[in-house]
Amino acid sequence: MPPHAPGMKVGLFGGSFNPPHEAHRLVALTALKRLGLDAVWWLVSPGNPLKVGHGLAPLDERIAAARRLAGHPRIHVTGIEAALGTRYTFDTIAQLKARCRGVRFVWIMGADNLAQFHLWQNWRGIADLLPIAVVDRPGASLKAAAGVAAQSLARHRLGEGDGRLLAKAPPPAWIFLHGIKSPLSSTALRAKMQIHSN
């Protein structure tokens, strides 16, 4: 568990990080700055229930690669989900809130994830546990905004200029942050590596 204390504002950025890339770092840096966070914890997942497991590099390799990439004193790369034995995001967040009392957690996701958020196990429960920051991804904005979750949670959306208020906002609360336009994705990078290895 990274260093933490009551009152700290901590972003939780989960994913397979298979492989980690510069867009992951840009999302974390954007959240740190625009939300006024004290830290961002990368939760490198043992596996994503919505994705097929084949082609997933070993967890320790992904964590090591993510740590090399992160290169920032307030970005902490962790394997917390494996340590907790949780499979679903809701369970991970619930355990972190129980173990880190007083820490103001914010869930961070890319706009591509918001578009499919309604497919996550107990997604409404996640929205009720902590505020959510959605960071723009190329080609995902319109689909995300029109998605089931965004429409369902529309009345709980904060204005983009209210980023520093998000961590203290009672959930459900969320914000959409524009500005990240990196076209990088782990899926595309894996496909490119596959081509070069053949």
N, C-alpha and C. Protein backbone atom coordinates (compact mmCIF):
# COMPACT_ATOMS: atom_id res chain seq x y z
N MET A 1 0.85 -1.19 0.00
CA MET A 1 0.00 0.00 0.00
C MET A 1 0.89 1.24 0.00
N PRO A 2 0.71 2.14 -0.96
CA PRO A 2 1.51 3.37 -0.98
C PRO A 2 1.23 4.22 0.27
N PRO A 3 2.13 5.16 0.56
CA PRO A 3 1.91 6.04 1.72
C PRO A 3 0.59 6.80 1.57
N HIS A 4 -0.12 6.93 2.69
CA HIS A 4 -1.39 7.64 2.67
C HIS A 4 -1.73 8.11 4.07
N ALA A 5 -2.61 9.08 4.16
CA ALA A 5 -3.04 9.61 5.46
C ALA A 5 -4.42 10.22 5.29
N PRO A 6 -5.20 10.27 6.38
CA PRO A 6 -6.52 10.89 6.30
C PRO A 6 -6.43 12.30 5.72
N GLY A 7 -7.39 12.61 4.85
CA GLY A 7 -7.42 13.94 4.23
C GLY A 7 -6.71 14.01 2.89
N MET A 8 -5.87 13.02 2.60
CA MET A 8 -5.20 13.02 1.29
C MET A 8 -6.21 12.76 0.18
N LYS A 9 -5.94 13.37 -0.99
CA LYS A 9 -6.77 13.16 -2.17
C LYS A 9 -5.97 12.28 -3.13
N VAL A 10 -6.48 11.08 -3.35
CA VAL A 10 -5.74 10.07 -4.12
C VAL A 10 -6.57 9.57 -5.29
N GLY A 11 -6.00 9.63 -6.49
CA GLY A 11 -6.63 9.07 -7.67
C GLY A 11 -6.30 7.61 -7.82
N LEU A 12 -7.29 6.81 -8.16
CA LEU A 12 -7.10 5.38 -8.42
C LEU A 12 -7.27 5.16 -9.92
N PHE A 13 -6.22 4.67 -10.56
CA PHE A 13 -6.22 4.50 -12.01
C PHE A 13 -5.96 3.03 -12.29
N GLY A 14 -7.03 2.28 -12.57
CA GLY A 14 -6.91 0.85 -12.76
C GLY A 14 -6.80 0.46 -14.22
N GLY A 15 -6.20 -0.70 -14.45
CA GLY A 15 -6.11 -1.20 -15.81
C GLY A 15 -5.14 -2.36 -15.92
N SER A 16 -5.13 -2.96 -17.09
CA SER A 16 -4.21 -4.07 -17.33
C SER A 16 -2.79 -3.57 -17.57
N PHE A 17 -2.65 -2.36 -18.11
CA PHE A 17 -1.33 -1.80 -18.44
C PHE A 17 -0.51 -2.82 -19.23
N ASN A 18 -1.11 -3.28 -20.32
CA ASN A 18 -0.55 -4.40 -21.09
C ASN A 18 -0.35 -4.02 -22.56
N PRO A 19 0.68 -3.23 -22.88
CA PRO A 19 1.71 -2.67 -21.99
C PRO A 19 1.31 -1.26 -21.53
N PRO A 20 2.03 -0.75 -20.51
CA PRO A 20 1.83 0.65 -20.13
C PRO A 20 2.41 1.55 -21.22
N HIS A 21 1.85 2.74 -21.39
CA HIS A 21 2.35 3.64 -22.42
C HIS A 21 2.17 5.09 -21.98
N GLU A 22 2.69 6.00 -22.79
CA GLU A 22 2.74 7.41 -22.43
C GLU A 22 1.35 8.01 -22.18
N ALA A 23 0.32 7.51 -22.85
CA ALA A 23 -1.02 8.04 -22.60
C ALA A 23 -1.46 7.75 -21.16
N HIS A 24 -1.07 6.60 -20.61
CA HIS A 24 -1.38 6.31 -19.20
C HIS A 24 -0.76 7.39 -18.31
N ARG A 25 0.49 7.73 -18.61
CA ARG A 25 1.20 8.74 -17.81
C ARG A 25 0.53 10.11 -17.96
N LEU A 26 0.13 10.45 -19.18
CA LEU A 26 -0.53 11.73 -19.42
C LEU A 26 -1.86 11.84 -18.66
N VAL A 27 -2.61 10.74 -18.63
CA VAL A 27 -3.87 10.73 -17.88
C VAL A 27 -3.59 10.99 -16.40
N ALA A 28 -2.59 10.30 -15.85
CA ALA A 28 -2.26 10.47 -14.43
C ALA A 28 -1.80 11.89 -14.13
N LEU A 29 -0.95 12.45 -14.98
CA LEU A 29 -0.45 13.80 -14.75
C LEU A 29 -1.57 14.83 -14.88
N THR A 30 -2.48 14.61 -15.83
CA THR A 30 -3.63 15.50 -15.98
C THR A 30 -4.50 15.47 -14.73
N ALA A 31 -4.76 14.27 -14.22
CA ALA A 31 -5.58 14.14 -13.01
C ALA A 31 -4.90 14.79 -11.80
N LEU A 32 -3.60 14.57 -11.65
CA LEU A 32 -2.87 15.19 -10.54
C LEU A 32 -3.07 16.71 -10.54
N LYS A 33 -2.89 17.30 -11.71
CA LYS A 33 -2.93 18.75 -11.83
C LYS A 33 -4.35 19.31 -11.78
N ARG A 34 -5.24 18.77 -12.60
CA ARG A 34 -6.57 19.36 -12.76
C ARG A 34 -7.49 19.06 -11.57
N LEU A 35 -7.23 17.95 -10.87
CA LEU A 35 -8.08 17.60 -9.72
C LEU A 35 -7.43 17.97 -8.39
N GLY A 36 -6.21 18.47 -8.43
CA GLY A 36 -5.52 18.84 -7.20
C GLY A 36 -5.24 17.65 -6.30
N LEU A 37 -4.87 16.52 -6.90
CA LEU A 37 -4.64 15.30 -6.13
C LEU A 37 -3.25 15.31 -5.48
N ASP A 38 -3.15 14.59 -4.37
CA ASP A 38 -1.85 14.41 -3.72
C ASP A 38 -1.05 13.28 -4.37
N ALA A 39 -1.76 12.30 -4.93
CA ALA A 39 -1.10 11.16 -5.55
C ALA A 39 -2.07 10.45 -6.47
N VAL A 40 -1.51 9.66 -7.39
CA VAL A 40 -2.30 8.74 -8.20
C VAL A 40 -1.70 7.35 -8.03
N TRP A 41 -2.56 6.41 -7.68
CA TRP A 41 -2.12 5.01 -7.57
C TRP A 41 -2.56 4.26 -8.82
N TRP A 42 -1.60 3.69 -9.53
CA TRP A 42 -1.92 2.81 -10.66
C TRP A 42 -2.21 1.43 -10.10
N LEU A 43 -3.39 0.92 -10.35
CA LEU A 43 -3.77 -0.42 -9.88
C LEU A 43 -3.63 -1.36 -11.07
N VAL A 44 -2.46 -2.00 -11.16
CA VAL A 44 -2.20 -2.91 -12.27
C VAL A 44 -2.95 -4.21 -11.99
N SER A 45 -3.93 -4.49 -12.83
CA SER A 45 -4.85 -5.60 -12.59
C SER A 45 -4.25 -6.95 -12.98
N PRO A 46 -4.51 -7.98 -12.18
CA PRO A 46 -4.10 -9.33 -12.59
C PRO A 46 -4.79 -9.76 -13.88
N GLY A 47 -5.99 -9.22 -14.13
CA GLY A 47 -6.74 -9.55 -15.35
C GLY A 47 -8.02 -8.75 -15.38
N ASN A 48 -8.47 -8.40 -16.57
CA ASN A 48 -9.69 -7.62 -16.74
C ASN A 48 -10.83 -8.57 -17.06
N PRO A 49 -11.88 -8.63 -16.22
CA PRO A 49 -13.00 -9.55 -16.48
C PRO A 49 -13.70 -9.31 -17.82
N LEU A 50 -13.56 -8.10 -18.39
CA LEU A 50 -14.21 -7.80 -19.67
C LEU A 50 -13.33 -8.11 -20.87
N LYS A 51 -12.09 -8.52 -20.59
CA LYS A 51 -11.18 -8.81 -21.70
C LYS A 51 -10.73 -10.26 -21.64
N VAL A 52 -10.47 -10.82 -22.82
CA VAL A 52 -9.95 -12.19 -22.89
C VAL A 52 -8.53 -12.19 -22.32
N GLY A 53 -8.20 -13.19 -21.52
CA GLY A 53 -6.94 -13.21 -20.80
C GLY A 53 -5.71 -13.53 -21.62
N HIS A 54 -5.86 -14.12 -22.82
CA HIS A 54 -4.67 -14.50 -23.56
C HIS A 54 -3.92 -13.26 -24.03
N GLY A 55 -2.60 -13.39 -24.09
CA GLY A 55 -1.78 -12.26 -24.49
C GLY A 55 -1.48 -11.31 -23.35
N LEU A 56 -1.87 -11.67 -22.14
CA LEU A 56 -1.62 -10.82 -20.98
C LEU A 56 -0.25 -11.15 -20.41
N ALA A 57 0.64 -10.17 -20.40
CA ALA A 57 1.98 -10.38 -19.84
C ALA A 57 1.86 -10.64 -18.34
N PRO A 58 2.83 -11.34 -17.74
CA PRO A 58 2.78 -11.60 -16.30
C PRO A 58 2.68 -10.29 -15.50
N LEU A 59 1.96 -10.36 -14.38
CA LEU A 59 1.70 -9.18 -13.57
C LEU A 59 2.99 -8.48 -13.16
N ASP A 60 4.00 -9.23 -12.70
CA ASP A 60 5.23 -8.58 -12.23
C ASP A 60 5.94 -7.84 -13.36
N GLU A 61 5.85 -8.35 -14.58
CA GLU A 61 6.46 -7.67 -15.73
C GLU A 61 5.73 -6.36 -16.04
N ARG A 62 4.38 -6.40 -15.97
CA ARG A 62 3.61 -5.19 -16.25
C ARG A 62 3.83 -4.13 -15.18
N ILE A 63 3.94 -4.56 -13.93
CA ILE A 63 4.21 -3.61 -12.84
C ILE A 63 5.58 -2.97 -13.03
N ALA A 64 6.59 -3.78 -13.35
CA ALA A 64 7.95 -3.26 -13.55
C ALA A 64 7.98 -2.26 -14.71
N ALA A 65 7.31 -2.60 -15.80
CA ALA A 65 7.27 -1.71 -16.97
C ALA A 65 6.55 -0.40 -16.63
N ALA A 66 5.46 -0.51 -15.87
CA ALA A 66 4.70 0.68 -15.48
C ALA A 66 5.53 1.58 -14.57
N ARG A 67 6.30 0.99 -13.67
CA ARG A 67 7.15 1.79 -12.78
C ARG A 67 8.24 2.52 -13.57
N ARG A 68 8.80 1.85 -14.57
CA ARG A 68 9.82 2.51 -15.41
C ARG A 68 9.21 3.69 -16.16
N LEU A 69 7.98 3.53 -16.60
CA LEU A 69 7.32 4.57 -17.38
C LEU A 69 6.85 5.73 -16.51
N ALA A 70 6.29 5.44 -15.35
CA ALA A 70 5.63 6.46 -14.53
C ALA A 70 6.57 7.63 -14.23
N GLY A 71 7.72 7.34 -13.67
CA GLY A 71 8.75 8.35 -13.45
C GLY A 71 8.28 9.63 -12.79
N HIS A 72 7.46 9.52 -11.77
CA HIS A 72 6.97 10.71 -11.06
C HIS A 72 6.80 10.36 -9.59
N PRO A 73 7.25 11.23 -8.68
CA PRO A 73 7.20 10.89 -7.24
C PRO A 73 5.79 10.72 -6.69
N ARG A 74 4.78 11.25 -7.39
CA ARG A 74 3.41 11.14 -6.87
C ARG A 74 2.56 10.12 -7.64
N ILE A 75 3.20 9.39 -8.56
CA ILE A 75 2.52 8.26 -9.22
C ILE A 75 3.08 6.98 -8.62
N HIS A 76 2.22 6.21 -7.98
CA HIS A 76 2.63 4.97 -7.31
C HIS A 76 2.03 3.78 -8.05
N VAL A 77 2.89 2.92 -8.57
CA VAL A 77 2.43 1.74 -9.31
C VAL A 77 2.31 0.58 -8.35
N THR A 78 1.14 -0.07 -8.34
CA THR A 78 0.87 -1.12 -7.36
C THR A 78 0.24 -2.36 -8.00
N GLY A 79 0.33 -3.46 -7.26
CA GLY A 79 -0.40 -4.68 -7.59
C GLY A 79 -1.43 -4.95 -6.50
N ILE A 80 -2.10 -3.89 -6.04
CA ILE A 80 -3.01 -3.97 -4.89
C ILE A 80 -4.11 -5.02 -5.09
N GLU A 81 -4.67 -5.09 -6.30
CA GLU A 81 -5.77 -6.05 -6.51
C GLU A 81 -5.31 -7.49 -6.28
N ALA A 82 -4.12 -7.81 -6.75
CA ALA A 82 -3.59 -9.17 -6.52
C ALA A 82 -3.38 -9.39 -5.03
N ALA A 83 -2.86 -8.39 -4.33
CA ALA A 83 -2.61 -8.51 -2.89
C ALA A 83 -3.92 -8.66 -2.11
N LEU A 84 -4.96 -7.94 -2.53
CA LEU A 84 -6.25 -8.02 -1.85
C LEU A 84 -7.05 -9.25 -2.26
N GLY A 85 -6.71 -9.81 -3.42
CA GLY A 85 -7.46 -10.95 -3.93
C GLY A 85 -8.80 -10.56 -4.52
N THR A 86 -8.92 -9.31 -5.00
CA THR A 86 -10.17 -8.85 -5.58
C THR A 86 -10.15 -9.01 -7.10
N ARG A 87 -11.32 -9.24 -7.67
CA ARG A 87 -11.44 -9.40 -9.12
C ARG A 87 -12.15 -8.22 -9.76
N TYR A 88 -13.09 -7.64 -9.02
CA TYR A 88 -13.90 -6.55 -9.57
C TYR A 88 -13.57 -5.22 -8.91
N THR A 89 -13.68 -4.16 -9.69
CA THR A 89 -13.33 -2.82 -9.24
C THR A 89 -14.11 -2.42 -7.99
N PHE A 90 -15.39 -2.74 -7.94
CA PHE A 90 -16.19 -2.38 -6.77
C PHE A 90 -15.58 -2.95 -5.50
N ASP A 91 -15.19 -4.22 -5.53
CA ASP A 91 -14.62 -4.87 -4.34
C ASP A 91 -13.28 -4.26 -3.95
N THR A 92 -12.47 -3.92 -4.96
CA THR A 92 -11.18 -3.28 -4.69
C THR A 92 -11.37 -1.95 -4.00
N ILE A 93 -12.26 -1.13 -4.55
CA ILE A 93 -12.49 0.20 -3.97
C ILE A 93 -13.05 0.08 -2.56
N ALA A 94 -14.01 -0.82 -2.36
CA ALA A 94 -14.61 -0.99 -1.03
C ALA A 94 -13.54 -1.36 0.00
N GLN A 95 -12.63 -2.26 -0.37
CA GLN A 95 -11.57 -2.65 0.56
C GLN A 95 -10.60 -1.50 0.82
N LEU A 96 -10.25 -0.75 -0.22
CA LEU A 96 -9.34 0.37 -0.02
C LEU A 96 -9.95 1.43 0.88
N LYS A 97 -11.23 1.71 0.69
CA LYS A 97 -11.90 2.69 1.55
C LYS A 97 -11.95 2.23 3.01
N ALA A 98 -12.11 0.92 3.20
CA ALA A 98 -12.15 0.38 4.56
C ALA A 98 -10.77 0.41 5.22
N ARG A 99 -9.72 0.17 4.43
CA ARG A 99 -8.36 0.11 4.97
C ARG A 99 -7.71 1.49 5.08
N CYS A 100 -8.15 2.44 4.28
CA CYS A 100 -7.51 3.76 4.23
C CYS A 100 -8.53 4.82 4.63
N ARG A 101 -9.02 4.71 5.83
CA ARG A 101 -10.08 5.59 6.29
C ARG A 101 -9.63 7.06 6.26
N GLY A 102 -10.51 7.90 5.74
CA GLY A 102 -10.22 9.33 5.69
C GLY A 102 -9.54 9.77 4.40
N VAL A 103 -9.05 8.82 3.60
CA VAL A 103 -8.46 9.18 2.32
C VAL A 103 -9.60 9.46 1.33
N ARG A 104 -9.48 10.55 0.59
CA ARG A 104 -10.50 10.92 -0.39
C ARG A 104 -10.10 10.35 -1.75
N PHE A 105 -10.65 9.20 -2.08
CA PHE A 105 -10.31 8.54 -3.33
C PHE A 105 -11.17 9.07 -4.48
N VAL A 106 -10.57 9.11 -5.67
CA VAL A 106 -11.25 9.45 -6.92
C VAL A 106 -10.89 8.36 -7.92
N TRP A 107 -11.89 7.80 -8.60
CA TRP A 107 -11.62 6.82 -9.65
C TRP A 107 -11.32 7.57 -10.95
N ILE A 108 -10.26 7.17 -11.63
CA ILE A 108 -9.86 7.80 -12.89
C ILE A 108 -10.03 6.79 -14.01
N MET A 109 -10.67 7.21 -15.09
CA MET A 109 -10.80 6.32 -16.25
C MET A 109 -10.73 7.13 -17.54
N GLY A 110 -10.37 6.48 -18.62
CA GLY A 110 -10.40 7.11 -19.93
C GLY A 110 -11.82 7.12 -20.46
N ALA A 111 -12.09 8.02 -21.40
CA ALA A 111 -13.43 8.14 -21.97
C ALA A 111 -13.86 6.84 -22.65
N ASP A 112 -12.90 6.08 -23.17
CA ASP A 112 -13.24 4.80 -23.79
C ASP A 112 -13.84 3.84 -22.77
N ASN A 113 -13.40 3.93 -21.52
CA ASN A 113 -13.97 3.08 -20.47
C ASN A 113 -15.34 3.56 -20.03
N LEU A 114 -15.57 4.88 -20.05
CA LEU A 114 -16.90 5.38 -19.69
C LEU A 114 -17.96 4.83 -20.65
N ALA A 115 -17.59 4.68 -21.92
CA ALA A 115 -18.54 4.18 -22.91
C ALA A 115 -19.04 2.78 -22.59
N GLN A 116 -18.21 1.99 -21.90
CA GLN A 116 -18.61 0.62 -21.54
C GLN A 116 -18.76 0.43 -20.03
N PHE A 117 -18.77 1.54 -19.29
CA PHE A 117 -18.84 1.46 -17.83
C PHE A 117 -20.06 0.69 -17.35
N HIS A 118 -21.17 0.79 -18.08
CA HIS A 118 -22.40 0.11 -17.66
C HIS A 118 -22.27 -1.42 -17.73
N LEU A 119 -21.21 -1.91 -18.36
CA LEU A 119 -20.97 -3.35 -18.42
C LEU A 119 -20.16 -3.86 -17.23
N TRP A 120 -19.59 -2.95 -16.45
CA TRP A 120 -18.78 -3.33 -15.30
C TRP A 120 -19.68 -3.92 -14.22
N GLN A 121 -19.11 -4.87 -13.48
CA GLN A 121 -19.81 -5.46 -12.34
C GLN A 121 -20.15 -4.36 -11.33
N ASN A 122 -21.44 -4.19 -11.03
CA ASN A 122 -21.92 -3.23 -10.02
C ASN A 122 -21.42 -1.81 -10.30
N TRP A 123 -21.57 -1.35 -11.54
CA TRP A 123 -21.07 -0.03 -11.89
C TRP A 123 -21.76 1.09 -11.12
N ARG A 124 -23.05 0.90 -10.85
CA ARG A 124 -23.74 1.93 -10.06
C ARG A 124 -23.21 1.98 -8.63
N GLY A 125 -22.84 0.83 -8.11
CA GLY A 125 -22.23 0.78 -6.78
C GLY A 125 -20.90 1.51 -6.75
N ILE A 126 -20.11 1.37 -7.82
CA ILE A 126 -18.83 2.09 -7.92
C ILE A 126 -19.09 3.60 -7.87
N ALA A 127 -20.07 4.05 -8.67
CA ALA A 127 -20.39 5.48 -8.70
C ALA A 127 -20.87 5.99 -7.35
N ASP A 128 -21.46 5.11 -6.55
CA ASP A 128 -21.93 5.50 -5.21
C ASP A 128 -20.81 5.47 -4.17
N LEU A 129 -19.69 4.81 -4.50
CA LEU A 129 -18.58 4.70 -3.54
C LEU A 129 -17.65 5.89 -3.57
N LEU A 130 -17.42 6.47 -4.76
CA LEU A 130 -16.42 7.53 -4.86
C LEU A 130 -16.65 8.36 -6.12
N PRO A 131 -16.16 9.61 -6.13
CA PRO A 131 -16.27 10.42 -7.34
C PRO A 131 -15.43 9.82 -8.47
N ILE A 132 -15.78 10.16 -9.70
CA ILE A 132 -15.12 9.61 -10.89
C ILE A 132 -14.66 10.74 -11.79
N ALA A 133 -13.42 10.63 -12.27
CA ALA A 133 -12.89 11.56 -13.26
C ALA A 133 -12.70 10.81 -14.57
N VAL A 134 -13.30 11.33 -15.62
CA VAL A 134 -13.18 10.72 -16.96
C VAL A 134 -12.28 11.63 -17.79
N VAL A 135 -11.21 11.05 -18.33
CA VAL A 135 -10.25 11.82 -19.11
C VAL A 135 -10.44 11.50 -20.59
N ASP A 136 -10.55 12.53 -21.38
CA ASP A 136 -10.81 12.40 -22.81
C ASP A 136 -9.77 11.52 -23.50
N ARG A 137 -10.24 10.70 -24.44
CA ARG A 137 -9.38 9.91 -25.32
C ARG A 137 -9.81 10.15 -26.75
N PRO A 138 -8.86 10.19 -27.70
CA PRO A 138 -9.23 10.45 -29.09
C PRO A 138 -10.30 9.49 -29.59
N GLY A 139 -11.33 10.04 -30.21
CA GLY A 139 -12.38 9.23 -30.81
C GLY A 139 -13.39 8.66 -29.84
N ALA A 140 -13.23 8.93 -28.55
CA ALA A 140 -14.12 8.32 -27.56
C ALA A 140 -15.13 9.29 -26.96
N SER A 141 -14.93 10.59 -27.14
CA SER A 141 -15.75 11.58 -26.44
C SER A 141 -17.25 11.44 -26.71
N LEU A 142 -17.62 11.41 -27.98
CA LEU A 142 -19.05 11.38 -28.32
C LEU A 142 -19.70 10.07 -27.88
N LYS A 143 -19.01 8.95 -28.12
CA LYS A 143 -19.55 7.65 -27.72
C LYS A 143 -19.71 7.58 -26.21
N ALA A 144 -18.72 8.10 -25.48
CA ALA A 144 -18.78 8.08 -24.01
C ALA A 144 -19.93 8.93 -23.50
N ALA A 145 -20.08 10.13 -24.06
CA ALA A 145 -21.12 11.05 -23.61
C ALA A 145 -22.52 10.52 -23.88
N ALA A 146 -22.64 9.71 -24.94
CA ALA A 146 -23.95 9.15 -25.29
C ALA A 146 -24.21 7.80 -24.63
N GLY A 147 -23.24 7.30 -23.89
CA GLY A 147 -23.35 5.98 -23.30
C GLY A 147 -24.35 5.89 -22.16
N VAL A 148 -24.66 4.67 -21.78
CA VAL A 148 -25.65 4.41 -20.74
C VAL A 148 -25.25 5.06 -19.41
N ALA A 149 -24.00 4.89 -19.01
CA ALA A 149 -23.55 5.42 -17.72
C ALA A 149 -23.58 6.93 -17.70
N ALA A 150 -23.05 7.57 -18.75
CA ALA A 150 -23.02 9.03 -18.79
C ALA A 150 -24.43 9.60 -18.75
N GLN A 151 -25.35 9.00 -19.46
CA GLN A 151 -26.73 9.48 -19.47
C GLN A 151 -27.39 9.27 -18.11
N SER A 152 -27.12 8.11 -17.52
CA SER A 152 -27.72 7.80 -16.22
C SER A 152 -27.21 8.72 -15.11
N LEU A 153 -25.93 9.11 -15.22
CA LEU A 153 -25.31 9.92 -14.17
C LEU A 153 -25.24 11.40 -14.54
N ALA A 154 -25.92 11.80 -15.61
CA ALA A 154 -25.79 13.16 -16.14
C ALA A 154 -26.03 14.24 -15.09
N ARG A 155 -27.01 14.07 -14.24
CA ARG A 155 -27.34 15.13 -13.28
C ARG A 155 -26.30 15.27 -12.16
N HIS A 156 -25.37 14.29 -12.09
CA HIS A 156 -24.32 14.33 -11.06
C HIS A 156 -23.00 14.84 -11.60
N ARG A 157 -23.01 15.32 -12.85
CA ARG A 157 -21.77 15.76 -13.49
C ARG A 157 -21.40 17.17 -13.06
N LEU A 158 -20.13 17.35 -12.68
CA LEU A 158 -19.61 18.66 -12.33
C LEU A 158 -19.08 19.35 -13.58
N GLY A 159 -19.01 20.67 -13.54
CA GLY A 159 -18.41 21.41 -14.63
C GLY A 159 -16.91 21.17 -14.67
N GLU A 160 -16.34 21.25 -15.86
CA GLU A 160 -14.92 20.94 -16.00
C GLU A 160 -14.02 21.86 -15.16
N GLY A 161 -14.46 23.07 -14.91
CA GLY A 161 -13.68 23.99 -14.09
C GLY A 161 -13.72 23.67 -12.60
N ASP A 162 -14.53 22.69 -12.21
CA ASP A 162 -14.68 22.34 -10.79
C ASP A 162 -13.83 21.14 -10.39
N GLY A 163 -12.78 20.86 -11.16
CA GLY A 163 -11.97 19.67 -10.91
C GLY A 163 -11.45 19.56 -9.49
N ARG A 164 -11.03 20.67 -8.92
CA ARG A 164 -10.44 20.62 -7.58
C ARG A 164 -11.47 20.39 -6.47
N LEU A 165 -12.74 20.45 -6.84
CA LEU A 165 -13.82 20.17 -5.88
C LEU A 165 -14.22 18.70 -5.89
N LEU A 166 -13.80 17.97 -6.93
CA LEU A 166 -14.33 16.62 -7.13
C LEU A 166 -14.03 15.68 -5.97
N ALA A 167 -12.80 15.67 -5.48
CA ALA A 167 -12.42 14.71 -4.44
C ALA A 167 -13.26 14.85 -3.17
N LYS A 168 -13.78 16.05 -2.94
CA LYS A 168 -14.59 16.28 -1.74
C LYS A 168 -16.09 16.21 -2.02
N ALA A 169 -16.45 15.99 -3.28
CA ALA A 169 -17.87 15.93 -3.63
C ALA A 169 -18.48 14.61 -3.19
N PRO A 170 -19.66 14.63 -2.59
CA PRO A 170 -20.31 13.38 -2.21
C PRO A 170 -20.73 12.60 -3.46
N PRO A 171 -20.39 11.31 -3.51
CA PRO A 171 -20.80 10.52 -4.68
C PRO A 171 -22.30 10.22 -4.65
N PRO A 172 -22.89 10.01 -5.83
CA PRO A 172 -22.24 10.00 -7.14
C PRO A 172 -21.89 11.41 -7.61
N ALA A 173 -20.68 11.55 -8.15
CA ALA A 173 -20.22 12.81 -8.74
C ALA A 173 -19.15 12.44 -9.76
N TRP A 174 -19.16 13.15 -10.87
CA TRP A 174 -18.14 12.86 -11.88
C TRP A 174 -17.86 14.09 -12.72
N ILE A 175 -16.74 14.03 -13.43
CA ILE A 175 -16.30 15.15 -14.26
C ILE A 175 -15.68 14.59 -15.53
N PHE A 176 -15.79 15.34 -16.60
CA PHE A 176 -15.15 14.96 -17.86
C PHE A 176 -14.06 15.98 -18.15
N LEU A 177 -12.82 15.51 -18.24
CA LEU A 177 -11.68 16.39 -18.48
C LEU A 177 -11.23 16.27 -19.92
N HIS A 178 -11.27 17.36 -20.66
CA HIS A 178 -10.79 17.37 -22.04
C HIS A 178 -9.30 17.72 -22.07
N GLY A 179 -8.70 17.48 -23.19
CA GLY A 179 -7.32 17.93 -23.36
C GLY A 179 -6.30 16.86 -23.67
N ILE A 180 -6.54 15.60 -23.26
CA ILE A 180 -5.60 14.53 -23.57
C ILE A 180 -5.96 13.99 -24.95
N LYS A 181 -5.04 14.11 -25.87
CA LYS A 181 -5.34 13.66 -27.23
C LYS A 181 -4.33 12.64 -27.74
N SER A 182 -3.65 11.95 -26.84
CA SER A 182 -2.70 10.93 -27.28
C SER A 182 -3.45 9.77 -27.92
N PRO A 183 -3.03 9.37 -29.13
CA PRO A 183 -3.71 8.26 -29.81
C PRO A 183 -3.25 6.89 -29.33
N LEU A 184 -2.30 6.85 -28.40
CA LEU A 184 -1.76 5.56 -27.96
C LEU A 184 -2.81 4.73 -27.23
N SER A 185 -2.75 3.42 -27.46
CA SER A 185 -3.58 2.48 -26.70
C SER A 185 -2.79 1.19 -26.54
N SER A 186 -3.03 0.49 -25.45
CA SER A 186 -2.34 -0.78 -25.22
C SER A 186 -2.69 -1.79 -26.29
N THR A 187 -3.95 -1.79 -26.74
CA THR A 187 -4.38 -2.74 -27.77
C THR A 187 -3.58 -2.53 -29.05
N ALA A 188 -3.45 -1.26 -29.47
CA ALA A 188 -2.71 -0.97 -30.69
C ALA A 188 -1.23 -1.32 -30.54
N LEU A 189 -0.66 -1.04 -29.37
CA LEU A 189 0.75 -1.36 -29.15
C LEU A 189 1.00 -2.86 -29.17
N ARG A 190 0.06 -3.65 -28.60
CA ARG A 190 0.21 -5.11 -28.64
C ARG A 190 0.15 -5.62 -30.07
N ALA A 191 -0.77 -5.05 -30.86
CA ALA A 191 -0.90 -5.47 -32.27
C ALA A 191 0.37 -5.15 -33.03
N LYS A 192 0.94 -3.99 -32.77
CA LYS A 192 2.18 -3.58 -33.45
C LYS A 192 3.33 -4.52 -33.06
N MET A 193 3.41 -4.88 -31.78
CA MET A 193 4.47 -5.80 -31.33
C MET A 193 4.30 -7.16 -31.96
N GLN A 194 3.06 -7.59 -32.12
CA GLN A 194 2.77 -8.88 -32.74
C GLN A 194 3.24 -8.90 -34.18
N ILE A 195 3.01 -7.81 -34.91
CA ILE A 195 3.44 -7.72 -36.32
C ILE A 195 4.95 -7.81 -36.41
N HIS A 196 5.64 -7.08 -35.51
CA HIS A 196 7.10 -7.06 -35.57
C HIS A 196 7.74 -8.38 -35.14
N SER A 197 7.00 -9.16 -34.35
CA SER A 197 7.56 -10.45 -33.90
C SER A 197 7.37 -11.55 -34.93
N ASN A 198 6.51 -11.32 -35.91
CA ASN A 198 6.25 -12.34 -36.95
C ASN A 198 7.19 -12.19 -38.13
